[in-house]
Amino acid sequence: MAIMTIEGKEYEIDTMTDEQKELVNVIRINTTTANVTAHQLQCVNAIGRVKVDELKSLLESNMNGKNN
């Protein structure tokens, strides 16, 4: 028995109409897509921070008379 909780209320998916089940599927796809997109954004942000730190390190090395 599959249950979907919406705003704190539980609904049994097995007793839903086909139209309701289609919407449940769309909501699942939406949630999965949002999670994947959020993960991708976290990865992009992490790489951005690494590259900023890398540039900062190179700039500071050059200011201290080191050449890289």
C-alpha atoms as a PDB file:
ATOM      1  CA  MET A   1       0.000   0.000   0.000  1.00  0.00           C
ATOM      2  CA  ALA A   2       1.616   3.221  -1.189  1.00  0.00           C
ATOM      3  CA  ILE A   3       0.879   6.399   0.705  1.00  0.00           C
ATOM      4  CA  MET A   4       1.428  10.002  -0.349  1.00  0.00           C
ATOM      5  CA  THR A   5       1.489  12.728   2.286  1.00  0.00           C
ATOM      6  CA  ILE A   6       0.333  16.193   1.242  1.00  0.00           C
ATOM      7  CA  GLU A   7       0.460  18.971   3.821  1.00  0.00           C
ATOM      8  CA  GLY A   8       0.409  16.459   6.666  1.00  0.00           C
ATOM      9  CA  LYS A   9      -2.501  14.410   5.328  1.00  0.00           C
ATOM     10  CA  GLU A  10      -1.968  10.879   4.015  1.00  0.00           C
ATOM     11  CA  TYR A  11      -3.599   9.600   0.843  1.00  0.00           C
ATOM     12  CA  GLU A  12      -3.589   6.013  -0.375  1.00  0.00           C
ATOM     13  CA  ILE A  13      -2.348   5.965  -3.956  1.00  0.00           C
ATOM     14  CA  ASP A  14      -3.957   2.606  -4.768  1.00  0.00           C
ATOM     15  CA  THR A  15      -7.437   4.098  -4.346  1.00  0.00           C
ATOM     16  CA  MET A  16      -6.781   7.174  -6.493  1.00  0.00           C
ATOM     17  CA  THR A  17      -8.228   7.696  -9.948  1.00  0.00           C
ATOM     18  CA  ASP A  18      -5.981   7.344 -12.987  1.00  0.00           C
ATOM     19  CA  GLU A  19      -5.855  11.131 -13.313  1.00  0.00           C
ATOM     20  CA  GLN A  20      -4.749  11.462  -9.680  1.00  0.00           C
ATOM     21  CA  LYS A  21      -2.138   8.736 -10.150  1.00  0.00           C
ATOM     22  CA  GLU A  22      -0.769  10.603 -13.181  1.00  0.00           C
ATOM     23  CA  LEU A  23      -0.405  13.714 -11.048  1.00  0.00           C
ATOM     24  CA  VAL A  24       1.374  11.675  -8.365  1.00  0.00           C
ATOM     25  CA  ASN A  25       3.817  10.530 -11.054  1.00  0.00           C
ATOM     26  CA  VAL A  26       4.364  14.115 -12.245  1.00  0.00           C
ATOM     27  CA  ILE A  27       5.017  15.203  -8.658  1.00  0.00           C
ATOM     28  CA  ARG A  28       7.540  12.380  -8.200  1.00  0.00           C
ATOM     29  CA  ILE A  29       9.351  13.329 -11.405  1.00  0.00           C
ATOM     30  CA  ASN A  30       9.309  16.980 -10.338  1.00  0.00           C
ATOM     31  CA  THR A  31      10.787  16.133  -6.937  1.00  0.00           C
ATOM     32  CA  THR A  32      13.480  13.937  -8.465  1.00  0.00           C
ATOM     33  CA  THR A  33      14.375  16.607 -11.018  1.00  0.00           C
ATOM     34  CA  ALA A  34      14.530  19.284  -8.322  1.00  0.00           C
ATOM     35  CA  ASN A  35      16.827  17.098  -6.198  1.00  0.00           C
ATOM     36  CA  VAL A  36      19.145  16.350  -9.137  1.00  0.00           C
ATOM     37  CA  THR A  37      19.232  20.034 -10.102  1.00  0.00           C
ATOM     38  CA  ALA A  38      20.010  21.057  -6.517  1.00  0.00           C
ATOM     39  CA  HIS A  39      22.856  18.536  -6.438  1.00  0.00           C
ATOM     40  CA  GLN A  40      24.236  19.850  -9.720  1.00  0.00           C
ATOM     41  CA  LEU A  41      24.106  23.410  -8.378  1.00  0.00           C
ATOM     42  CA  GLN A  42      25.978  22.347  -5.246  1.00  0.00           C
ATOM     43  CA  CYS A  43      28.669  20.780  -7.448  1.00  0.00           C
ATOM     44  CA  VAL A  44      28.967  23.899  -9.620  1.00  0.00           C
ATOM     45  CA  ASN A  45      29.194  26.111  -6.526  1.00  0.00           C
ATOM     46  CA  ALA A  46      31.858  23.877  -4.991  1.00  0.00           C
ATOM     47  CA  ILE A  47      33.998  24.011  -8.139  1.00  0.00           C
ATOM     48  CA  GLY A  48      33.534  27.778  -8.228  1.00  0.00           C
ATOM     49  CA  ARG A  49      34.797  28.087  -4.645  1.00  0.00           C
ATOM     50  CA  VAL A  50      37.792  25.860  -5.433  1.00  0.00           C
ATOM     51  CA  LYS A  51      38.697  27.953  -8.484  1.00  0.00           C
ATOM     52  CA  VAL A  52      38.361  31.236  -6.557  1.00  0.00           C
ATOM     53  CA  ASP A  53      40.640  29.836  -3.846  1.00  0.00           C
ATOM     54  CA  GLU A  54      43.083  28.659  -6.522  1.00  0.00           C
ATOM     55  CA  LEU A  55      43.183  32.111  -8.116  1.00  0.00           C
ATOM     56  CA  LYS A  56      43.537  33.807  -4.732  1.00  0.00           C
ATOM     57  CA  SER A  57      46.477  31.543  -3.891  1.00  0.00           C
ATOM     58  CA  LEU A  58      48.202  32.289  -7.204  1.00  0.00           C
ATOM     59  CA  LEU A  59      47.659  36.029  -6.827  1.00  0.00           C
ATOM     60  CA  GLU A  60      49.010  36.007  -3.281  1.00  0.00           C
ATOM     61  CA  SER A  61      52.038  33.969  -4.403  1.00  0.00           C
ATOM     62  CA  ASN A  62      52.794  36.539  -7.099  1.00  0.00           C
ATOM     63  CA  MET A  63      52.456  39.387  -4.595  1.00  0.00           C
ATOM     64  CA  ASN A  64      54.975  37.669  -2.321  1.00  0.00           C
ATOM     65  CA  GLY A  65      57.556  37.514  -5.097  1.00  0.00           C
ATOM     66  CA  LYS A  66      56.988  33.907  -6.055  1.00  0.00           C
ATOM     67  CA  ASN A  67      56.377  32.958  -9.658  1.00  0.00           C
ATOM     68  CA  ASN A  68      54.163  30.011 -10.563  1.00  0.00           C
END
